[in-house]
Amino acid sequence: MKFDLDAVFVEDGCANSALATRVLRALPHGVPVTHVDDAREVSRPEPGAPDPFGAGKRRLVIARRKTPFLMPCPAGSSKFACCGYLVLTLASNCPMDCSYCFLQEYLADNPAFQVYANYTDSFDELDKLTANAHGRSFRVGTGELADSLAFDSITAISRDLVEFFATRENLTLELKTKTDEIENLLDIDPRGRVLVSWSLSPDAVYRSSEHLTAAPAARIAAARALLDAGYRVAFHFDPLIAYAEAERDYLQLIDELFDVVPPKQISFVSMGGIRMTPRLRNAARSRFPDDRMLCGEDVLASDGRFRTFTPLRLSLYRALAERFRKAGAEIPAYLCMEPASVHEHVFGTVPARPATIGERLARG
């Protein structure tokens, strides 16, 4: 196991689940396990903890999800040119600790790392989705409220997911991660239905802001290994941070990526500038007061988020987009949480409808 745990809690009714059995068998010696009536009681902030959110990341809670697993991406909005991404919420929170992470706000009142013992119930929801979709294709990911592969060495959820999606022609699974925890995937044939994507940042951002994650070079090496194993791969340059040497460093990162993963074998790339609500900005700066990446030139935008000053943001987007264009392959690219006007400034075209983009990315 690559991440430390202070304690594990198992909700009543989950002790005999396949997930709980796998997790408890794989736990390192000495991690205390407690059975509880209601997982909500141990998922809340720990009273008196100096850093309640950070402490929550080290408490693993195995519980039953009582609400639907499948939902539209919570970042989607009519204000933005969205990508049609659908989210499966199979876990909540992340053992890694990126200083800019929106979960610091989104899960502030519920910070324990939760994983849902009844996750296979989500397969019924997916089958219902495609049964009523009249031949449409969907890209479905698990990496919105939790990293898709963190703790996969003890949960092995990825194996069940890949085996399910491999038999569904209208569904594409996206596993989004900042780890190199790919061992469970290497001996399963995804049949072209699974792509694994990595968020990539230059070394300066990794060292300053992406605590406990795999190094960028390790993420790229993992992508190559999975590409060779029959998986599709994609990359998210998000959040882009406009520090002094940013353009040079991001372009160098792209060159390092292309040296390992041929551009023509990249399913897509996305870009998104760093954005923070006032509450998230305060939380991030309080938890990481020495991170210079949190102190860029930003302004409060019309959507209520602090964003990098628009000319700086557009300049960085355009520089990366131009490097992708010069790669000699038509790599599909999109912007995350940006209005159509920004998309036009960067790519010179009006963005397609979210459903159209979603289908294109799903089909590859």
Protein backbone atom coordinates (compact mmCIF):
# COMPACT_ATOMS: atom_id res chain seq x y z
CA MET A 1 0.00 0.00 0.00
CA LYS A 2 1.46 3.36 -1.05
CA PHE A 3 -0.48 5.66 1.31
CA ASP A 4 -0.64 5.74 5.11
CA LEU A 5 -3.86 5.08 7.00
CA ASP A 6 -4.55 5.91 10.63
CA ALA A 7 -7.74 3.85 10.88
CA VAL A 8 -10.37 1.90 8.93
CA PHE A 9 -14.08 1.96 9.69
CA VAL A 10 -16.58 -0.57 8.34
CA GLU A 11 -20.27 0.29 8.37
CA ASP A 12 -22.75 -2.33 9.55
CA GLY A 13 -23.94 -4.45 6.65
CA CYS A 14 -20.65 -4.07 4.72
CA ALA A 15 -18.38 -6.40 6.69
CA ASN A 16 -19.02 -9.40 4.44
CA SER A 17 -18.85 -7.48 1.17
CA ALA A 18 -16.22 -8.40 -1.38
CA LEU A 19 -14.70 -4.94 -1.05
CA ALA A 20 -14.33 -5.08 2.74
CA THR A 21 -12.86 -8.57 2.51
CA ARG A 22 -10.22 -7.42 0.01
CA VAL A 23 -9.35 -4.27 1.92
CA LEU A 24 -9.02 -5.89 5.32
CA ARG A 25 -6.91 -8.70 3.90
CA ALA A 26 -4.52 -6.20 2.28
CA LEU A 27 -4.18 -3.77 5.18
CA PRO A 28 -0.74 -3.41 6.76
CA HIS A 29 -0.39 -4.85 10.24
CA GLY A 30 -1.33 -2.43 12.98
CA VAL A 31 -3.99 -0.36 11.22
CA PRO A 32 -6.99 -0.43 13.60
CA VAL A 33 -10.34 -1.57 12.19
CA THR A 34 -13.61 -0.48 13.84
CA HIS A 35 -17.17 -1.49 12.98
CA VAL A 36 -19.70 1.35 13.17
CA ASP A 37 -23.47 1.66 12.92
CA ASP A 38 -23.47 4.74 10.71
CA ALA A 39 -20.56 5.75 8.48
CA ARG A 40 -21.62 9.39 8.59
CA GLU A 41 -20.49 9.67 12.19
CA VAL A 42 -16.86 8.83 11.35
CA SER A 43 -16.78 10.69 8.03
CA ARG A 44 -17.13 14.12 9.59
CA PRO A 45 -14.16 16.34 10.55
CA GLU A 46 -12.19 14.98 13.49
CA PRO A 47 -12.76 17.26 16.52
CA GLY A 48 -9.62 19.03 17.65
CA ALA A 49 -7.47 17.98 14.69
CA PRO A 50 -5.02 20.74 13.63
CA ASP A 51 -5.86 19.95 10.01
CA PRO A 52 -9.28 18.23 9.92
CA PHE A 53 -9.29 17.83 6.14
CA GLY A 54 -5.82 16.29 6.07
CA ALA A 55 -6.70 13.98 8.95
CA GLY A 56 -9.82 12.83 7.09
CA LYS A 57 -7.69 11.62 4.18
CA ARG A 58 -6.03 9.08 6.48
CA ARG A 59 -9.31 7.54 7.68
CA LEU A 60 -10.75 4.92 5.30
CA VAL A 61 -14.49 4.34 5.62
CA ILE A 62 -16.19 1.39 3.91
CA ALA A 63 -19.87 2.24 3.58
CA ARG A 64 -22.94 1.63 1.48
CA ARG A 65 -23.90 4.38 -0.96
CA LYS A 66 -27.57 5.21 -0.62
CA THR A 67 -27.87 7.65 -3.54
CA PRO A 68 -27.26 7.09 -7.29
CA PHE A 69 -23.70 6.53 -8.45
CA LEU A 70 -24.07 8.10 -11.89
CA MET A 71 -24.37 11.85 -12.40
CA PRO A 72 -23.32 14.61 -14.80
CA CYS A 73 -19.93 16.12 -14.09
CA PRO A 74 -20.41 18.64 -11.25
CA ALA A 75 -18.12 21.05 -13.09
CA GLY A 76 -20.60 21.21 -15.96
CA SER A 77 -22.66 24.36 -16.44
CA SER A 78 -24.52 26.23 -19.15
CA LYS A 79 -21.91 28.97 -18.66
CA PHE A 80 -19.09 26.74 -19.91
CA ALA A 81 -18.23 24.86 -23.11
CA CYS A 82 -18.51 21.43 -21.47
CA CYS A 83 -17.25 18.03 -22.61
CA GLY A 84 -20.24 15.80 -21.87
CA TYR A 85 -18.44 13.87 -19.12
CA LEU A 86 -20.47 11.57 -16.87
CA VAL A 87 -19.24 10.70 -13.38
CA LEU A 88 -19.46 7.49 -11.37
CA THR A 89 -18.99 8.31 -7.70
CA LEU A 90 -17.46 5.13 -6.30
CA ALA A 91 -15.34 6.86 -3.64
CA SER A 92 -14.99 10.24 -1.98
CA ASN A 93 -11.78 12.17 -1.23
CA CYS A 94 -8.21 11.29 -2.06
CA PRO A 95 -5.14 10.18 -0.07
CA MET A 96 -2.97 12.59 -2.07
CA ASP A 97 -2.97 16.26 -1.07
CA CYS A 98 -2.69 18.81 -3.89
CA SER A 99 -2.72 22.33 -2.53
CA TYR A 100 -5.17 23.60 -5.16
CA CYS A 101 -7.65 20.71 -4.90
CA PHE A 102 -11.33 21.71 -4.92
CA LEU A 103 -12.18 18.86 -2.55
CA GLN A 104 -10.83 21.00 0.30
CA GLU A 105 -14.01 23.02 -0.06
CA TYR A 106 -16.37 20.44 -1.57
CA LEU A 107 -15.73 17.84 1.14
CA ALA A 108 -14.81 20.12 4.03
CA ASP A 109 -17.70 18.82 6.14
CA ASN A 110 -17.24 15.18 5.08
CA PRO A 111 -13.47 14.65 4.68
CA ALA A 112 -12.95 10.94 5.42
CA PHE A 113 -11.85 8.81 2.49
CA GLN A 114 -15.00 6.82 1.74
CA VAL A 115 -15.30 3.87 -0.62
CA TYR A 116 -18.64 2.25 -1.34
CA ALA A 117 -19.07 -1.46 -0.74
CA ASN A 118 -22.05 -1.69 -3.11
CA TYR A 119 -20.19 -0.12 -6.05
CA THR A 120 -21.29 -2.87 -8.45
CA ASP A 121 -24.85 -1.51 -8.14
CA SER A 122 -23.62 1.24 -10.45
CA PHE A 123 -23.49 -1.31 -13.28
CA ASP A 124 -27.29 -1.46 -13.30
CA GLU A 125 -27.43 2.32 -13.62
CA LEU A 126 -25.05 2.21 -16.58
CA ASP A 127 -27.05 -0.50 -18.34
CA LYS A 128 -30.22 1.55 -17.90
CA LEU A 129 -28.44 4.57 -19.36
CA THR A 130 -27.43 2.77 -22.53
CA ALA A 131 -30.75 0.93 -22.89
CA ASN A 132 -32.47 4.30 -23.39
CA ALA A 133 -29.70 6.00 -25.35
CA HIS A 134 -30.65 4.96 -28.91
CA GLY A 135 -27.11 4.03 -29.91
CA ARG A 136 -25.31 6.99 -28.33
CA SER A 137 -21.88 6.53 -26.76
CA PHE A 138 -20.86 7.86 -23.35
CA ARG A 139 -17.58 8.63 -21.62
CA VAL A 140 -17.90 7.77 -17.93
CA GLY A 141 -15.22 8.47 -15.34
CA THR A 142 -14.54 7.76 -11.68
CA GLY A 143 -11.95 10.47 -11.08
CA GLU A 144 -14.02 13.47 -10.06
CA LEU A 145 -14.48 13.14 -6.29
CA ALA A 146 -11.62 10.68 -5.83
CA ASP A 147 -8.53 9.63 -7.73
CA SER A 148 -9.49 6.58 -9.81
CA LEU A 149 -6.48 4.44 -8.87
CA ALA A 150 -5.30 5.62 -5.45
CA PHE A 151 -5.74 2.70 -3.03
CA ASP A 152 -6.51 0.39 -5.97
CA SER A 153 -3.80 -1.92 -4.67
CA ILE A 154 -6.12 -2.78 -1.76
CA THR A 155 -9.58 -2.23 -3.26
CA ALA A 156 -9.02 -3.73 -6.74
CA ILE A 157 -12.14 -1.91 -7.93
CA SER A 158 -10.48 -1.15 -11.25
CA ARG A 159 -10.50 -4.82 -12.24
CA ASP A 160 -14.28 -5.11 -11.91
CA LEU A 161 -14.77 -1.84 -13.78
CA VAL A 162 -12.55 -2.80 -16.70
CA GLU A 163 -14.18 -6.21 -17.03
CA PHE A 164 -17.64 -4.59 -17.08
CA PHE A 165 -16.84 -1.82 -19.57
CA ALA A 166 -14.93 -4.17 -21.86
CA THR A 167 -18.26 -5.79 -22.77
CA ARG A 168 -20.26 -2.56 -23.30
CA GLU A 169 -19.87 -1.14 -26.80
CA ASN A 170 -21.59 2.19 -26.04
CA LEU A 171 -19.58 2.96 -22.90
CA THR A 172 -16.01 4.15 -22.45
CA LEU A 173 -14.49 4.15 -18.98
CA GLU A 174 -12.02 6.89 -18.05
CA LEU A 175 -9.81 6.24 -15.04
CA LYS A 176 -8.25 9.58 -14.05
CA THR A 177 -5.21 9.57 -11.77
CA LYS A 178 -2.05 11.21 -10.51
CA THR A 179 -0.56 7.89 -9.44
CA ASP A 180 1.41 5.16 -11.18
CA GLU A 181 -0.66 2.48 -9.45
CA ILE A 182 -1.45 0.45 -12.57
CA GLU A 183 -0.59 -3.11 -11.54
CA ASN A 184 -4.20 -4.31 -11.42
CA LEU A 185 -4.79 -3.21 -15.01
CA LEU A 186 -1.88 -4.83 -16.78
CA ASP A 187 -3.31 -8.34 -17.15
CA ILE A 188 -6.88 -7.41 -18.21
CA ASP A 189 -7.89 -6.88 -21.83
CA PRO A 190 -9.90 -3.62 -22.02
CA ARG A 191 -11.02 -4.35 -25.61
CA GLY A 192 -10.65 -0.69 -26.50
CA ARG A 193 -13.33 0.40 -24.02
CA VAL A 194 -11.07 1.84 -21.29
CA LEU A 195 -8.82 4.86 -21.31
CA VAL A 196 -6.60 5.95 -18.45
CA SER A 197 -5.82 9.63 -18.12
CA TRP A 198 -3.28 11.52 -16.09
CA SER A 199 -3.24 15.09 -14.82
CA LEU A 200 0.19 16.43 -15.74
CA SER A 201 2.08 19.39 -14.31
CA PRO A 202 5.69 20.54 -14.65
CA ASP A 203 8.16 19.53 -11.96
CA ALA A 204 7.93 22.97 -10.36
CA VAL A 205 4.18 22.58 -9.76
CA TYR A 206 4.59 18.93 -8.72
CA ARG A 207 7.22 19.78 -6.11
CA SER A 208 5.36 22.80 -4.78
CA SER A 209 1.75 21.69 -4.90
CA GLU A 210 1.11 18.00 -5.65
CA HIS A 211 1.96 16.26 -2.40
CA LEU A 212 2.10 12.43 -2.26
CA THR A 213 1.43 12.11 -6.02
CA ALA A 214 3.63 10.22 -8.47
CA ALA A 215 6.28 12.33 -10.20
CA PRO A 216 5.34 13.55 -13.70
CA ALA A 217 7.92 11.23 -15.29
CA ALA A 218 6.44 8.26 -13.40
CA ARG A 219 2.93 9.14 -14.61
CA ILE A 220 4.16 9.30 -18.21
CA ALA A 221 5.97 5.97 -17.84
CA ALA A 222 2.77 4.41 -16.46
CA ALA A 223 0.86 5.76 -19.46
CA ARG A 224 3.31 4.10 -21.82
CA ALA A 225 3.00 0.79 -19.98
CA LEU A 226 -0.79 0.84 -20.21
CA LEU A 227 -0.69 1.90 -23.86
CA ASP A 228 1.43 -1.17 -24.54
CA ALA A 229 -1.11 -3.26 -22.59
CA GLY A 230 -3.97 -2.19 -24.91
CA TYR A 231 -5.44 0.80 -23.09
CA ARG A 232 -6.19 4.20 -24.54
CA VAL A 233 -4.48 7.12 -22.79
CA ALA A 234 -5.26 10.82 -22.36
CA PHE A 235 -3.84 13.76 -20.45
CA HIS A 236 -5.22 16.71 -18.50
CA PHE A 237 -3.11 19.85 -18.22
CA ASP A 238 -5.26 21.13 -15.41
CA PRO A 239 -4.82 23.29 -13.50
CA LEU A 240 -2.53 25.37 -15.67
CA ILE A 241 -0.72 27.80 -13.38
CA ALA A 242 0.79 30.94 -14.89
CA TYR A 243 3.95 31.32 -12.80
CA ALA A 244 6.99 33.13 -14.19
CA GLU A 245 8.54 30.21 -16.10
CA ALA A 246 5.26 28.45 -16.86
CA GLU A 247 5.23 28.54 -20.67
CA ARG A 248 8.76 27.18 -20.91
CA ASP A 249 8.09 24.44 -18.35
CA TYR A 250 4.74 23.30 -19.78
CA LEU A 251 6.15 23.11 -23.32
CA GLN A 252 9.11 21.11 -22.03
CA LEU A 253 6.67 18.79 -20.24
CA ILE A 254 4.76 18.23 -23.49
CA ASP A 255 8.01 17.41 -25.30
CA GLU A 256 8.89 14.91 -22.55
CA LEU A 257 5.44 13.35 -22.95
CA PHE A 258 5.77 13.06 -26.73
CA ASP A 259 9.19 11.40 -26.31
CA VAL A 260 7.46 8.51 -24.49
CA VAL A 261 3.89 8.50 -25.81
CA PRO A 262 3.50 9.12 -29.57
CA PRO A 263 1.08 12.01 -30.22
CA LYS A 264 -1.00 9.90 -32.61
CA GLN A 265 -1.72 7.47 -29.75
CA ILE A 266 -3.10 10.12 -27.39
CA SER A 267 -6.91 9.98 -27.31
CA PHE A 268 -7.31 13.59 -26.19
CA VAL A 269 -5.91 16.35 -24.03
CA SER A 270 -7.72 18.89 -21.89
CA MET A 271 -6.60 22.18 -20.43
CA GLY A 272 -8.00 24.23 -17.58
CA GLY A 273 -6.67 27.23 -15.70
CA ILE A 274 -6.45 27.25 -11.92
CA ARG A 275 -9.76 28.49 -10.47
CA MET A 276 -10.88 28.83 -6.89
CA THR A 277 -13.93 30.07 -5.07
CA PRO A 278 -13.10 32.52 -2.26
CA ARG A 279 -13.71 29.78 0.31
CA LEU A 280 -11.41 27.32 -1.47
CA ARG A 281 -8.74 29.99 -1.92
CA ASN A 282 -8.77 30.74 1.79
CA ALA A 283 -8.64 27.05 2.72
CA ALA A 284 -5.79 26.30 0.32
CA ARG A 285 -3.67 29.24 1.45
CA SER A 286 -4.31 28.40 5.08
CA ARG A 287 -3.26 24.75 4.67
CA PHE A 288 -0.33 25.51 2.33
CA PRO A 289 0.95 28.98 3.26
CA ASP A 290 4.34 28.45 1.58
CA ASP A 291 3.05 27.36 -1.82
CA ARG A 292 3.92 30.12 -4.27
CA MET A 293 1.70 28.52 -6.92
CA LEU A 294 -1.33 29.73 -4.95
CA CYS A 295 -0.28 33.38 -5.19
CA GLY A 296 -0.50 34.20 -8.87
CA GLU A 297 -2.12 37.17 -10.62
CA ASP A 298 -5.80 36.34 -10.26
CA VAL A 299 -9.09 38.23 -10.35
CA LEU A 300 -12.60 37.41 -9.20
CA ALA A 301 -14.44 36.34 -12.37
CA SER A 302 -18.14 36.58 -13.15
CA ASP A 303 -18.69 32.95 -12.10
CA GLY A 304 -17.58 33.74 -8.53
CA ARG A 305 -14.16 32.07 -8.86
CA PHE A 306 -10.72 33.59 -8.72
CA ARG A 307 -9.05 32.94 -12.07
CA THR A 308 -5.67 33.81 -13.57
CA PHE A 309 -5.74 37.24 -15.24
CA THR A 310 -7.31 36.54 -18.65
CA PRO A 311 -4.43 37.65 -20.94
CA LEU A 312 -2.01 35.41 -19.00
CA ARG A 313 -4.42 32.48 -19.14
CA LEU A 314 -5.12 32.85 -22.85
CA SER A 315 -1.42 33.15 -23.65
CA LEU A 316 -0.67 29.89 -21.86
CA TYR A 317 -3.61 28.08 -23.46
CA ARG A 318 -2.55 29.21 -26.93
CA ALA A 319 1.08 28.20 -26.43
CA LEU A 320 0.09 24.66 -25.42
CA ALA A 321 -2.56 24.36 -28.12
CA GLU A 322 -0.01 25.36 -30.74
CA ARG A 323 2.43 22.72 -29.49
CA PHE A 324 -0.30 20.09 -29.73
CA ARG A 325 -1.08 21.22 -33.29
CA LYS A 326 2.59 20.96 -34.29
CA ALA A 327 2.82 17.41 -32.98
CA GLY A 328 1.93 15.96 -36.36
CA ALA A 329 -1.25 14.30 -35.16
CA GLU A 330 -4.77 15.59 -34.72
CA ILE A 331 -5.08 15.33 -30.94
CA PRO A 332 -8.62 16.22 -29.83
CA ALA A 333 -8.42 19.00 -27.26
CA TYR A 334 -10.90 20.85 -25.09
CA LEU A 335 -10.98 23.40 -22.27
CA CYS A 336 -12.45 22.63 -18.87
CA MET A 337 -14.72 25.16 -17.16
CA GLU A 338 -14.16 27.91 -19.70
CA PRO A 339 -16.84 29.82 -21.64
CA ALA A 340 -17.29 29.40 -25.38
CA SER A 341 -15.62 32.77 -25.98
CA VAL A 342 -12.34 31.53 -24.48
CA HIS A 343 -12.57 28.35 -26.56
CA GLU A 344 -12.89 30.48 -29.70
CA HIS A 345 -9.88 32.62 -28.72
CA VAL A 346 -7.73 29.52 -28.18
CA PHE A 347 -8.84 27.18 -30.98
CA GLY A 348 -10.39 29.62 -33.45
CA THR A 349 -13.66 27.68 -33.63
CA VAL A 350 -16.99 27.58 -31.85
CA PRO A 351 -17.12 24.60 -29.45
CA ALA A 352 -19.46 21.74 -30.27
CA ARG A 353 -22.36 20.78 -28.01
CA PRO A 354 -21.36 18.83 -24.86
CA ALA A 355 -23.13 15.68 -26.05
CA THR A 356 -21.27 15.82 -29.37
CA ILE A 357 -17.91 16.30 -27.66
CA GLY A 358 -18.69 13.51 -25.22
CA GLU A 359 -19.51 11.07 -28.02
CA ARG A 360 -16.38 11.97 -29.96
CA LEU A 361 -14.13 11.45 -26.94
CA ALA A 362 -15.90 8.21 -26.06
CA ARG A 363 -15.50 6.70 -29.51
CA GLY A 364 -11.85 7.75 -29.80
